[in-house]
Amino acid sequence: MISNESIPTLNTMFRFQWEQAQNSYVLLYPEGMIQLNGPAGEILALVDGEKPVAGIVADLKGKFGDVDGLESDVLEFLAEAHKQRWIEISRSNVG
Protein backbone atom coordinates (compact mmCIF):
# COMPACT_ATOMS: atom_id res chain seq x y z
CA MET A 1 0.00 0.00 0.00
CA ILE A 2 1.26 3.46 -0.87
CA SER A 3 1.17 6.11 1.85
CA ASN A 4 2.49 9.65 2.32
CA GLU A 5 5.70 8.15 3.73
CA SER A 6 6.25 5.88 0.70
CA ILE A 7 9.18 6.72 -1.55
CA PRO A 8 8.47 5.89 -5.18
CA THR A 9 11.19 5.31 -7.73
CA LEU A 10 10.93 4.81 -11.47
CA ASN A 11 11.19 1.18 -12.56
CA THR A 12 14.55 0.75 -14.32
CA MET A 13 12.74 -0.80 -17.31
CA PHE A 14 11.43 2.67 -18.17
CA ARG A 15 12.97 5.99 -19.12
CA PHE A 16 10.95 9.10 -18.31
CA GLN A 17 11.42 12.10 -20.57
CA TRP A 18 9.77 15.05 -22.30
CA GLU A 19 8.98 14.16 -25.90
CA GLN A 20 8.74 17.29 -28.01
CA ALA A 21 7.06 15.46 -30.91
CA GLN A 22 4.27 14.33 -28.55
CA ASN A 23 4.25 17.61 -26.61
CA SER A 24 4.07 15.56 -23.42
CA TYR A 25 6.03 13.48 -20.99
CA VAL A 26 6.46 9.84 -21.96
CA LEU A 27 7.72 6.60 -20.52
CA LEU A 28 9.98 4.78 -22.94
CA TYR A 29 10.57 1.05 -22.70
CA PRO A 30 12.14 -1.50 -25.08
CA GLU A 31 8.85 -2.39 -26.78
CA GLY A 32 7.43 1.12 -27.09
CA MET A 33 6.28 4.30 -25.45
CA ILE A 34 3.54 5.37 -23.05
CA GLN A 35 2.31 8.93 -23.57
CA LEU A 36 1.33 10.48 -20.24
CA ASN A 37 -1.39 13.05 -19.68
CA GLY A 38 -0.45 16.35 -18.03
CA PRO A 39 -1.11 15.42 -14.39
CA ALA A 40 0.60 12.03 -14.71
CA GLY A 41 3.66 13.66 -16.23
CA GLU A 42 3.80 16.32 -13.52
CA ILE A 43 3.67 13.66 -10.80
CA LEU A 44 6.25 11.35 -12.38
CA ALA A 45 8.56 14.31 -12.99
CA LEU A 46 8.85 14.55 -9.19
CA VAL A 47 9.54 10.84 -8.63
CA ASP A 48 13.26 10.73 -7.87
CA GLY A 49 13.66 7.74 -5.55
CA GLU A 50 14.39 10.03 -2.60
CA LYS A 51 11.32 12.19 -2.10
CA PRO A 52 8.35 10.69 -0.21
CA VAL A 53 4.82 11.05 -1.53
CA ALA A 54 4.21 13.87 0.97
CA GLY A 55 7.08 15.80 -0.62
CA ILE A 56 5.68 15.22 -4.11
CA VAL A 57 2.30 16.53 -2.98
CA ALA A 58 3.94 19.57 -1.33
CA ASP A 59 5.88 20.36 -4.52
CA LEU A 60 2.70 20.08 -6.61
CA LYS A 61 0.86 22.38 -4.18
CA GLY A 62 3.70 24.87 -4.52
CA LYS A 63 3.39 24.77 -8.29
CA PHE A 64 -0.39 24.60 -8.72
CA GLY A 65 -1.83 25.78 -5.40
CA ASP A 66 -3.82 23.84 -2.83
CA VAL A 67 -6.09 22.00 -5.27
CA ASP A 68 -8.97 20.07 -3.69
CA GLY A 69 -8.27 16.36 -3.59
CA LEU A 70 -4.68 16.69 -4.74
CA GLU A 71 -3.23 14.31 -2.16
CA SER A 72 -5.79 11.58 -2.86
CA ASP A 73 -5.34 12.03 -6.63
CA VAL A 74 -1.57 11.64 -6.31
CA LEU A 75 -1.93 8.55 -4.12
CA GLU A 76 -4.44 7.06 -6.55
CA PHE A 77 -2.21 7.72 -9.56
CA LEU A 78 0.88 6.31 -7.84
CA ALA A 79 -1.06 3.18 -6.85
CA GLU A 80 -2.03 2.71 -10.51
CA ALA A 81 1.53 3.44 -11.68
CA HIS A 82 2.76 0.80 -9.23
CA LYS A 83 0.16 -1.67 -10.50
CA GLN A 84 1.34 -0.98 -14.07
CA ARG A 85 4.94 -1.49 -12.84
CA TRP A 86 6.00 2.01 -13.92
CA ILE A 87 7.25 2.69 -10.39
CA GLU A 88 8.55 0.71 -7.44
CA ILE A 89 8.24 1.57 -3.79
CA SER A 90 11.76 1.59 -2.40
CA ARG A 91 10.80 2.34 1.20
CA SER A 92 7.55 2.66 3.05
CA ASN A 93 6.35 2.82 6.62
CA VAL A 94 3.13 1.09 5.58
CA GLY A 95 2.58 -2.21 3.84
PDB file of N, CA and C in Angstrom:
ATOM      1  N   MET A   1       0.835  -1.189   0.000  1.00  0.00           N
ATOM      2  CA  MET A   1       0.000   0.000   0.000  1.00  0.00           C
ATOM      3  C   MET A   1       0.877   1.250   0.000  1.00  0.00           C
ATOM      4  N   ILE A   2       0.501   2.217  -0.776  1.00  0.00           N
ATOM      5  CA  ILE A   2       1.257   3.460  -0.866  1.00  0.00           C
ATOM      6  C   ILE A   2       0.683   4.477   0.119  1.00  0.00           C
ATOM      7  N   SER A   3       1.569   5.105   0.866  1.00  0.00           N
ATOM      8  CA  SER A   3       1.171   6.112   1.848  1.00  0.00           C
ATOM      9  C   SER A   3       1.987   7.379   1.615  1.00  0.00           C
ATOM     10  N   ASN A   4       1.727   8.401   2.421  1.00  0.00           N
ATOM     11  CA  ASN A   4       2.487   9.647   2.320  1.00  0.00           C
ATOM     12  C   ASN A   4       3.966   9.458   2.629  1.00  0.00           C
ATOM     13  N   GLU A   5       4.303   8.415   3.378  1.00  0.00           N
ATOM     14  CA  GLU A   5       5.695   8.147   3.726  1.00  0.00           C
ATOM     15  C   GLU A   5       6.411   7.304   2.679  1.00  0.00           C
ATOM     16  N   SER A   6       5.657   6.722   1.743  1.00  0.00           N
ATOM     17  CA  SER A   6       6.249   5.883   0.696  1.00  0.00           C
ATOM     18  C   SER A   6       7.182   6.702  -0.188  1.00  0.00           C
ATOM     19  N   ILE A   7       8.233   6.063  -0.651  1.00  0.00           N
ATOM     20  CA  ILE A   7       9.184   6.719  -1.546  1.00  0.00           C
ATOM     21  C   ILE A   7       9.182   5.970  -2.876  1.00  0.00           C
ATOM     22  N   PRO A   8       8.515   6.557  -3.875  1.00  0.00           N
ATOM     23  CA  PRO A   8       8.468   5.888  -5.176  1.00  0.00           C
ATOM     24  C   PRO A   8       9.744   6.136  -5.980  1.00  0.00           C
ATOM     25  N   THR A   9      10.070   5.179  -6.812  1.00  0.00           N
ATOM     26  CA  THR A   9      11.193   5.311  -7.732  1.00  0.00           C
ATOM     27  C   THR A   9      10.766   4.736  -9.073  1.00  0.00           C
ATOM     28  N   LEU A  10      11.276   5.279 -10.140  1.00  0.00           N
ATOM     29  CA  LEU A  10      10.928   4.812 -11.466  1.00  0.00           C
ATOM     30  C   LEU A  10      11.514   3.422 -11.682  1.00  0.00           C
ATOM     31  N   ASN A  11      10.720   2.517 -12.217  1.00  0.00           N
ATOM     32  CA  ASN A  11      11.189   1.184 -12.565  1.00  0.00           C
ATOM     33  C   ASN A  11      12.295   1.335 -13.602  1.00  0.00           C
ATOM     34  N   THR A  12      13.401   0.611 -13.428  1.00  0.00           N
ATOM     35  CA  THR A  12      14.551   0.745 -14.322  1.00  0.00           C
ATOM     36  C   THR A  12      14.254   0.271 -15.746  1.00  0.00           C
ATOM     37  N   MET A  13      13.133  -0.404 -15.963  1.00  0.00           N
ATOM     38  CA  MET A  13      12.738  -0.801 -17.314  1.00  0.00           C
ATOM     39  C   MET A  13      12.298   0.406 -18.143  1.00  0.00           C
ATOM     40  N   PHE A  14      11.986   1.506 -17.500  1.00  0.00           N
ATOM     41  CA  PHE A  14      11.430   2.674 -18.175  1.00  0.00           C
ATOM     42  C   PHE A  14      12.382   3.858 -18.118  1.00  0.00           C
ATOM     43  N   ARG A  15      12.271   4.698 -19.127  1.00  0.00           N
ATOM     44  CA  ARG A  15      12.971   5.985 -19.122  1.00  0.00           C
ATOM     45  C   ARG A  15      11.908   7.064 -19.268  1.00  0.00           C
ATOM     46  N   PHE A  16      11.914   7.999 -18.344  1.00  0.00           N
ATOM     47  CA  PHE A  16      10.952   9.097 -18.311  1.00  0.00           C
ATOM     48  C   PHE A  16      11.588  10.304 -18.980  1.00  0.00           C
ATOM     49  N   GLN A  17      10.878  10.919 -19.922  1.00  0.00           N
ATOM     50  CA  GLN A  17      11.424  12.105 -20.569  1.00  0.00           C
ATOM     51  C   GLN A  17      10.326  12.920 -21.229  1.00  0.00           C
ATOM     52  N   TRP A  18      10.657  14.182 -21.524  1.00  0.00           N
ATOM     53  CA  TRP A  18       9.772  15.045 -22.299  1.00  0.00           C
ATOM     54  C   TRP A  18       9.985  14.701 -23.763  1.00  0.00           C
ATOM     55  N   GLU A  19       8.918  14.472 -24.473  1.00  0.00           N
ATOM     56  CA  GLU A  19       8.983  14.156 -25.896  1.00  0.00           C
ATOM     57  C   GLU A  19       8.356  15.307 -26.666  1.00  0.00           C
ATOM     58  N   GLN A  20       9.206  16.106 -27.300  1.00  0.00           N
ATOM     59  CA  GLN A  20       8.744  17.290 -28.013  1.00  0.00           C
ATOM     60  C   GLN A  20       7.730  16.933 -29.093  1.00  0.00           C
ATOM     61  N   ALA A  21       7.971  15.852 -29.827  1.00  0.00           N
ATOM     62  CA  ALA A  21       7.063  15.456 -30.912  1.00  0.00           C
ATOM     63  C   ALA A  21       5.662  15.149 -30.395  1.00  0.00           C
ATOM     64  N   GLN A  22       5.563  14.651 -29.162  1.00  0.00           N
ATOM     65  CA  GLN A  22       4.273  14.327 -28.552  1.00  0.00           C
ATOM     66  C   GLN A  22       3.728  15.495 -27.730  1.00  0.00           C
ATOM     67  N   ASN A  23       4.583  16.478 -27.473  1.00  0.00           N
ATOM     68  CA  ASN A  23       4.248  17.606 -26.614  1.00  0.00           C
ATOM     69  C   ASN A  23       3.755  17.138 -25.241  1.00  0.00           C
ATOM     70  N   SER A  24       4.439  16.115 -24.723  1.00  0.00           N
ATOM     71  CA  SER A  24       4.069  15.562 -23.421  1.00  0.00           C
ATOM     72  C   SER A  24       5.228  14.740 -22.867  1.00  0.00           C
ATOM     73  N   TYR A  25       5.105  14.429 -21.582  1.00  0.00           N
ATOM     74  CA  TYR A  25       6.033  13.477 -20.990  1.00  0.00           C
ATOM     75  C   TYR A  25       5.666  12.077 -21.457  1.00  0.00           C
ATOM     76  N   VAL A  26       6.683  11.227 -21.556  1.00  0.00           N
ATOM     77  CA  VAL A  26       6.462   9.843 -21.963  1.00  0.00           C
ATOM     78  C   VAL A  26       7.314   8.918 -21.104  1.00  0.00           C
ATOM     79  N   LEU A  27       6.907   7.672 -21.075  1.00  0.00           N
ATOM     80  CA  LEU A  27       7.722   6.601 -20.518  1.00  0.00           C
ATOM     81  C   LEU A  27       8.152   5.737 -21.694  1.00  0.00           C
ATOM     82  N   LEU A  28       9.453   5.614 -21.878  1.00  0.00           N
ATOM     83  CA  LEU A  28       9.975   4.777 -22.944  1.00  0.00           C
ATOM     84  C   LEU A  28      10.395   3.441 -22.358  1.00  0.00           C
ATOM     85  N   TYR A  29      10.150   2.381 -23.100  1.00  0.00           N
ATOM     86  CA  TYR A  29      10.573   1.047 -22.701  1.00  0.00           C
ATOM     87  C   TYR A  29      10.942   0.300 -23.974  1.00  0.00           C
ATOM     88  N   PRO A  30      11.622  -0.848 -23.870  1.00  0.00           N
ATOM     89  CA  PRO A  30      12.138  -1.504 -25.079  1.00  0.00           C
ATOM     90  C   PRO A  30      11.092  -1.777 -26.168  1.00  0.00           C
ATOM     91  N   GLU A  31       9.871  -2.054 -25.798  1.00  0.00           N
ATOM     92  CA  GLU A  31       8.851  -2.385 -26.784  1.00  0.00           C
ATOM     93  C   GLU A  31       8.039  -1.183 -27.250  1.00  0.00           C
ATOM     94  N   GLY A  32       8.255  -0.003 -26.673  1.00  0.00           N
ATOM     95  CA  GLY A  32       7.431   1.117 -27.092  1.00  0.00           C
ATOM     96  C   GLY A  32       7.492   2.324 -26.193  1.00  0.00           C
ATOM     97  N   MET A  33       6.359   3.034 -26.164  1.00  0.00           N
ATOM     98  CA  MET A  33       6.276   4.299 -25.452  1.00  0.00           C
ATOM     99  C   MET A  33       4.868   4.462 -24.880  1.00  0.00           C
ATOM    100  N   ILE A  34       4.802   5.035 -23.681  1.00  0.00           N
ATOM    101  CA  ILE A  34       3.537   5.375 -23.050  1.00  0.00           C
ATOM    102  C   ILE A  34       3.477   6.892 -22.974  1.00  0.00           C
ATOM    103  N   GLN A  35       2.495   7.491 -23.631  1.00  0.00           N
ATOM    104  CA  GLN A  35       2.312   8.931 -23.570  1.00  0.00           C
ATOM    105  C   GLN A  35       1.482   9.245 -22.330  1.00  0.00           C
ATOM    106  N   LEU A  36       1.985  10.137 -21.498  1.00  0.00           N
ATOM    107  CA  LEU A  36       1.334  10.479 -20.238  1.00  0.00           C
ATOM    108  C   LEU A  36       0.513  11.753 -20.386  1.00  0.00           C
ATOM    109  N   ASN A  37      -0.629  11.802 -19.697  1.00  0.00           N
ATOM    110  CA  ASN A  37      -1.392  13.047 -19.685  1.00  0.00           C
ATOM    111  C   ASN A  37      -0.671  14.051 -18.782  1.00  0.00           C
ATOM    112  N   GLY A  38      -1.122  15.286 -18.785  1.00  0.00           N
ATOM    113  CA  GLY A  38      -0.452  16.346 -18.032  1.00  0.00           C
ATOM    114  C   GLY A  38      -0.234  16.051 -16.565  1.00  0.00           C
ATOM    115  N   PRO A  39      -1.302  15.694 -15.814  1.00  0.00           N
ATOM    116  CA  PRO A  39      -1.108  15.421 -14.394  1.00  0.00           C
ATOM    117  C   PRO A  39      -0.168  14.243 -14.125  1.00  0.00           C
ATOM    118  N   ALA A  40      -0.275  13.186 -14.906  1.00  0.00           N
ATOM    119  CA  ALA A  40       0.602  12.026 -14.713  1.00  0.00           C
ATOM    120  C   ALA A  40       2.056  12.419 -14.934  1.00  0.00           C
ATOM    121  N   GLY A  41       2.303  13.208 -15.960  1.00  0.00           N
ATOM    122  CA  GLY A  41       3.658  13.662 -16.227  1.00  0.00           C
ATOM    123  C   GLY A  41       4.205  14.546 -15.122  1.00  0.00           C
ATOM    124  N   GLU A  42       3.365  15.437 -14.604  1.00  0.00           N
ATOM    125  CA  GLU A  42       3.802  16.323 -13.517  1.00  0.00           C
ATOM    126  C   GLU A  42       4.162  15.525 -12.267  1.00  0.00           C
ATOM    127  N   ILE A  43       3.379  14.488 -11.978  1.00  0.00           N
ATOM    128  CA  ILE A  43       3.667  13.657 -10.804  1.00  0.00           C
ATOM    129  C   ILE A  43       4.950  12.871 -11.014  1.00  0.00           C
ATOM    130  N   LEU A  44       5.063  12.165 -12.151  1.00  0.00           N
ATOM    131  CA  LEU A  44       6.251  11.346 -12.382  1.00  0.00           C
ATOM    132  C   LEU A  44       7.519  12.176 -12.504  1.00  0.00           C
ATOM    133  N   ALA A  45       7.392  13.434 -12.925  1.00  0.00           N
ATOM    134  CA  ALA A  45       8.565  14.307 -12.994  1.00  0.00           C
ATOM    135  C   ALA A  45       9.174  14.531 -11.611  1.00  0.00           C
ATOM    136  N   LEU A  46       8.384  14.345 -10.569  1.00  0.00           N
ATOM    137  CA  LEU A  46       8.854  14.546  -9.195  1.00  0.00           C
ATOM    138  C   LEU A  46       9.305  13.252  -8.515  1.00  0.00           C
ATOM    139  N   VAL A  47       9.114  12.129  -9.180  1.00  0.00           N
ATOM    140  CA  VAL A  47       9.537  10.839  -8.630  1.00  0.00           C
ATOM    141  C   VAL A  47      11.048  10.708  -8.855  1.00  0.00           C
ATOM    142  N   ASP A  48      11.804  10.754  -7.755  1.00  0.00           N
ATOM    143  CA  ASP A  48      13.261  10.727  -7.867  1.00  0.00           C
ATOM    144  C   ASP A  48      13.914   9.636  -7.026  1.00  0.00           C
ATOM    145  N   GLY A  49      13.103   8.802  -6.380  1.00  0.00           N
ATOM    146  CA  GLY A  49      13.664   7.740  -5.553  1.00  0.00           C
ATOM    147  C   GLY A  49      14.127   8.203  -4.189  1.00  0.00           C
ATOM    148  N   GLU A  50      13.979   9.484  -3.888  1.00  0.00           N
ATOM    149  CA  GLU A  50      14.394  10.030  -2.598  1.00  0.00           C
ATOM    150  C   GLU A  50      13.266  10.753  -1.882  1.00  0.00           C
ATOM    151  N   LYS A  51      12.384  11.360  -2.656  1.00  0.00           N
ATOM    152  CA  LYS A  51      11.317  12.185  -2.098  1.00  0.00           C
ATOM    153  C   LYS A  51      10.100  11.315  -1.762  1.00  0.00           C
ATOM    154  N   PRO A  52       9.570  11.438  -0.542  1.00  0.00           N
ATOM    155  CA  PRO A  52       8.353  10.695  -0.212  1.00  0.00           C
ATOM    156  C   PRO A  52       7.138  11.309  -0.900  1.00  0.00           C
ATOM    157  N   VAL A  53       6.055  10.577  -0.910  1.00  0.00           N
ATOM    158  CA  VAL A  53       4.824  11.047  -1.530  1.00  0.00           C
ATOM    159  C   VAL A  53       4.413  12.398  -0.953  1.00  0.00           C
ATOM    160  N   ALA A  54       4.560  12.583   0.353  1.00  0.00           N
ATOM    161  CA  ALA A  54       4.206  13.866   0.972  1.00  0.00           C
ATOM    162  C   ALA A  54       4.998  15.012   0.356  1.00  0.00           C
ATOM    163  N   GLY A  55       6.254  14.778   0.028  1.00  0.00           N
ATOM    164  CA  GLY A  55       7.079  15.803  -0.615  1.00  0.00           C
ATOM    165  C   GLY A  55       6.630  16.088  -2.038  1.00  0.00           C
ATOM    166  N   ILE A  56       6.213  15.052  -2.749  1.00  0.00           N
ATOM    167  CA  ILE A  56       5.684  15.223  -4.105  1.00  0.00           C
ATOM    168  C   ILE A  56       4.429  16.081  -4.062  1.00  0.00           C
ATOM    169  N   VAL A  57       3.540  15.766  -3.127  1.00  0.00           N
ATOM    170  CA  VAL A  57       2.298  16.533  -2.977  1.00  0.00           C
ATOM    171  C   VAL A  57       2.626  17.983  -2.628  1.00  0.00           C
ATOM    172  N   ALA A  58       3.566  18.201  -1.723  1.00  0.00           N
ATOM    173  CA  ALA A  58       3.945  19.569  -1.334  1.00  0.00           C
ATOM    174  C   ALA A  58       4.497  20.344  -2.528  1.00  0.00           C
ATOM    175  N   ASP A  59       5.332  19.692  -3.343  1.00  0.00           N
ATOM    176  CA  ASP A  59       5.880  20.360  -4.524  1.00  0.00           C
ATOM    177  C   ASP A  59       4.776  20.715  -5.518  1.00  0.00           C
ATOM    178  N   LEU A  60       3.818  19.815  -5.699  1.00  0.00           N
ATOM    179  CA  LEU A  60       2.702  20.084  -6.610  1.00  0.00           C
ATOM    180  C   LEU A  60       1.834  21.232  -6.089  1.00  0.00           C
ATOM    181  N   LYS A  61       1.622  21.265  -4.767  1.00  0.00           N
ATOM    182  CA  LYS A  61       0.863  22.377  -4.177  1.00  0.00           C
ATOM    183  C   LYS A  61       1.593  23.691  -4.391  1.00  0.00           C
ATOM    184  N   GLY A  62       2.912  23.669  -4.283  1.00  0.00           N
ATOM    185  CA  GLY A  62       3.701  24.871  -4.519  1.00  0.00           C
ATOM    186  C   GLY A  62       3.601  25.352  -5.956  1.00  0.00           C
ATOM    187  N   LYS A  63       3.460  24.428  -6.870  1.00  0.00           N
ATOM    188  CA  LYS A  63       3.394  24.773  -8.292  1.00  0.00           C
ATOM    189  C   LYS A  63       1.992  25.154  -8.740  1.00  0.00           C
ATOM    190  N   PHE A  64       0.974  24.427  -8.228  1.00  0.00           N
ATOM    191  CA  PHE A  64      -0.391  24.600  -8.721  1.00  0.00           C
ATOM    192  C   PHE A  64      -1.370  25.148  -7.689  1.00  0.00           C
ATOM    193  N   GLY A  65      -0.931  25.323  -6.450  1.00  0.00           N
ATOM    194  CA  GLY A  65      -1.827  25.778  -5.398  1.00  0.00           C
ATOM    195  C   GLY A  65      -2.450  24.593  -4.674  1.00  0.00           C
ATOM    196  N   ASP A  66      -3.205  24.891  -3.655  1.00  0.00           N
ATOM    197  CA  ASP A  66      -3.816  23.841  -2.826  1.00  0.00           C
ATOM    198  C   ASP A  66      -5.105  23.362  -3.489  1.00  0.00           C
ATOM    199  N   VAL A  67      -4.962  22.526  -4.496  1.00  0.00           N
ATOM    200  CA  VAL A  67      -6.088  22.005  -5.274  1.00  0.00           C
ATOM    201  C   VAL A  67      -6.833  20.962  -4.444  1.00  0.00           C
ATOM    202  N   ASP A  68      -8.161  21.054  -4.423  1.00  0.00           N
ATOM    203  CA  ASP A  68      -8.971  20.073  -3.688  1.00  0.00           C
ATOM    204  C   ASP A  68      -8.693  18.667  -4.187  1.00  0.00           C
ATOM    205  N   GLY A  69      -8.456  17.766  -3.261  1.00  0.00           N
ATOM    206  CA  GLY A  69      -8.274  16.360  -3.594  1.00  0.00           C
ATOM    207  C   GLY A  69      -6.923  16.003  -4.168  1.00  0.00           C
ATOM    208  N   LEU A  70      -5.981  16.936  -4.135  1.00  0.00           N
ATOM    209  CA  LEU A  70      -4.678  16.690  -4.744  1.00  0.00           C
ATOM    210  C   LEU A  70      -3.978  15.474  -4.139  1.00  0.00           C
ATOM    211  N   GLU A  71      -3.928  15.414  -2.816  1.00  0.00           N
ATOM    212  CA  GLU A  71      -3.231  14.309  -2.158  1.00  0.00           C
ATOM    213  C   GLU A  71      -3.835  12.962  -2.550  1.00  0.00           C
ATOM    214  N   SER A  72      -5.154  12.856  -2.507  1.00  0.00           N
ATOM    215  CA  SER A  72      -5.786  11.578  -2.855  1.00  0.00           C
ATOM    216  C   SER A  72      -5.583  11.255  -4.330  1.00  0.00           C
ATOM    217  N   ASP A  73      -5.589  12.271  -5.206  1.00  0.00           N
ATOM    218  CA  ASP A  73      -5.340  12.034  -6.630  1.00  0.00           C
ATOM    219  C   ASP A  73      -3.924  11.512  -6.861  1.00  0.00           C
ATOM    220  N   VAL A  74      -2.955  12.086  -6.166  1.00  0.00           N
ATOM    221  CA  VAL A  74      -1.566  11.643  -6.306  1.00  0.00           C
ATOM    222  C   VAL A  74      -1.426  10.206  -5.813  1.00  0.00           C
ATOM    223  N   LEU A  75      -1.991   9.918  -4.649  1.00  0.00           N
ATOM    224  CA  LEU A  75      -1.928   8.552  -4.120  1.00  0.00           C
ATOM    225  C   LEU A  75      -2.593   7.554  -5.071  1.00  0.00           C
ATOM    226  N   GLU A  76      -3.728   7.940  -5.620  1.00  0.00           N
ATOM    227  CA  GLU A  76      -4.437   7.061  -6.553  1.00  0.00           C
ATOM    228  C   GLU A  76      -3.615   6.818  -7.824  1.00  0.00           C
ATOM    229  N   PHE A  77      -3.032   7.885  -8.367  1.00  0.00           N
ATOM    230  CA  PHE A  77      -2.211   7.720  -9.561  1.00  0.00           C
ATOM    231  C   PHE A  77      -0.996   6.842  -9.275  1.00  0.00           C
ATOM    232  N   LEU A  78      -0.310   7.095  -8.159  1.00  0.00           N
ATOM    233  CA  LEU A  78       0.882   6.307  -7.839  1.00  0.00           C
ATOM    234  C   LEU A  78       0.536   4.844  -7.609  1.00  0.00           C
ATOM    235  N   ALA A  79      -0.624   4.569  -7.020  1.00  0.00           N
ATOM    236  CA  ALA A  79      -1.055   3.179  -6.853  1.00  0.00           C
ATOM    237  C   ALA A  79      -1.246   2.519  -8.222  1.00  0.00           C
ATOM    238  N   GLU A  80      -1.842   3.242  -9.157  1.00  0.00           N
ATOM    239  CA  GLU A  80      -2.032   2.706 -10.508  1.00  0.00           C
ATOM    240  C   GLU A  80      -0.691   2.551 -11.225  1.00  0.00           C
ATOM    241  N   ALA A  81       0.203   3.527 -11.066  1.00  0.00           N
ATOM    242  CA  ALA A  81       1.527   3.440 -11.679  1.00  0.00           C
ATOM    243  C   ALA A  81       2.295   2.240 -11.125  1.00  0.00           C
ATOM    244  N   HIS A  82       2.124   1.965  -9.846  1.00  0.00           N
ATOM    245  CA  HIS A  82       2.763   0.796  -9.232  1.00  0.00           C
ATOM    246  C   HIS A  82       2.152  -0.488  -9.791  1.00  0.00           C
ATOM    247  N   LYS A  83       0.849  -0.514  -9.928  1.00  0.00           N
ATOM    248  CA  LYS A  83       0.159  -1.675 -10.501  1.00  0.00           C
ATOM    249  C   LYS A  83       0.635  -1.938 -11.938  1.00  0.00           C
ATOM    250  N   GLN A  84       0.861  -0.868 -12.692  1.00  0.00           N
ATOM    251  CA  GLN A  84       1.337  -0.982 -14.071  1.00  0.00           C
ATOM    252  C   GLN A  84       2.842  -1.259 -14.140  1.00  0.00           C
ATOM    253  N   ARG A  85       3.505  -1.250 -12.973  1.00  0.00           N
ATOM    254  CA  ARG A  85       4.942  -1.489 -12.836  1.00  0.00           C
ATOM    255  C   ARG A  85       5.799  -0.358 -13.403  1.00  0.00           C
ATOM    256  N   TRP A  86       5.228   0.850 -13.490  1.00  0.00           N
ATOM    257  CA  TRP A  86       6.002   2.005 -13.918  1.00  0.00           C
ATOM    258  C   TRP A  86       6.916   2.460 -12.792  1.00  0.00           C
ATOM    259  N   ILE A  87       6.453   2.285 -11.555  1.00  0.00           N
ATOM    260  CA  ILE A  87       7.247   2.689 -10.389  1.00  0.00           C
ATOM    261  C   ILE A  87       7.366   1.516  -9.430  1.00  0.00           C
ATOM    262  N   GLU A  88       8.353   1.635  -8.555  1.00  0.00           N
ATOM    263  CA  GLU A  88       8.546   0.710  -7.444  1.00  0.00           C
ATOM    264  C   GLU A  88       8.521   1.544  -6.173  1.00  0.00           C
ATOM    265  N   ILE A  89       8.207   0.898  -5.084  1.00  0.00           N
ATOM    266  CA  ILE A  89       8.245   1.574  -3.785  1.00  0.00           C
ATOM    267  C   ILE A  89       9.480   1.085  -3.078  1.00  0.00           C
ATOM    268  N   SER A  90      10.474   1.996  -2.963  1.00  0.00           N
ATOM    269  CA  SER A  90      11.762   1.593  -2.402  1.00  0.00           C
ATOM    270  C   SER A  90      11.738   1.495  -0.893  1.00  0.00           C
ATOM    271  N   ARG A  91      10.935   2.350  -0.252  1.00  0.00           N
ATOM    272  CA  ARG A  91      10.802   2.335   1.204  1.00  0.00           C
ATOM    273  C   ARG A  91       9.409   2.790   1.561  1.00  0.00           C
ATOM    274  N   SER A  92       8.871   2.239   2.620  1.00  0.00           N
ATOM    275  CA  SER A  92       7.549   2.656   3.055  1.00  0.00           C
ATOM    276  C   SER A  92       7.378   2.280   4.516  1.00  0.00           C
ATOM    277  N   ASN A  93       6.678   3.134   5.235  1.00  0.00           N
ATOM    278  CA  ASN A  93       6.352   2.821   6.619  1.00  0.00           C
ATOM    279  C   ASN A  93       5.082   1.973   6.724  1.00  0.00           C
ATOM    280  N   VAL A  94       4.387   1.837   5.603  1.00  0.00           N
ATOM    281  CA  VAL A  94       3.132   1.092   5.583  1.00  0.00           C
ATOM    282  C   VAL A  94       3.214   0.030   4.503  1.00  0.00           C
ATOM    283  N   GLY A  95       2.728  -1.153   4.832  1.00  0.00           N
ATOM    284  CA  GLY A  95       2.578  -2.206   3.839  1.00  0.00           C
ATOM    285  C   GLY A  95       3.826  -2.821   3.416  1.00  0.00           C
TER     286      GLY A  95
END
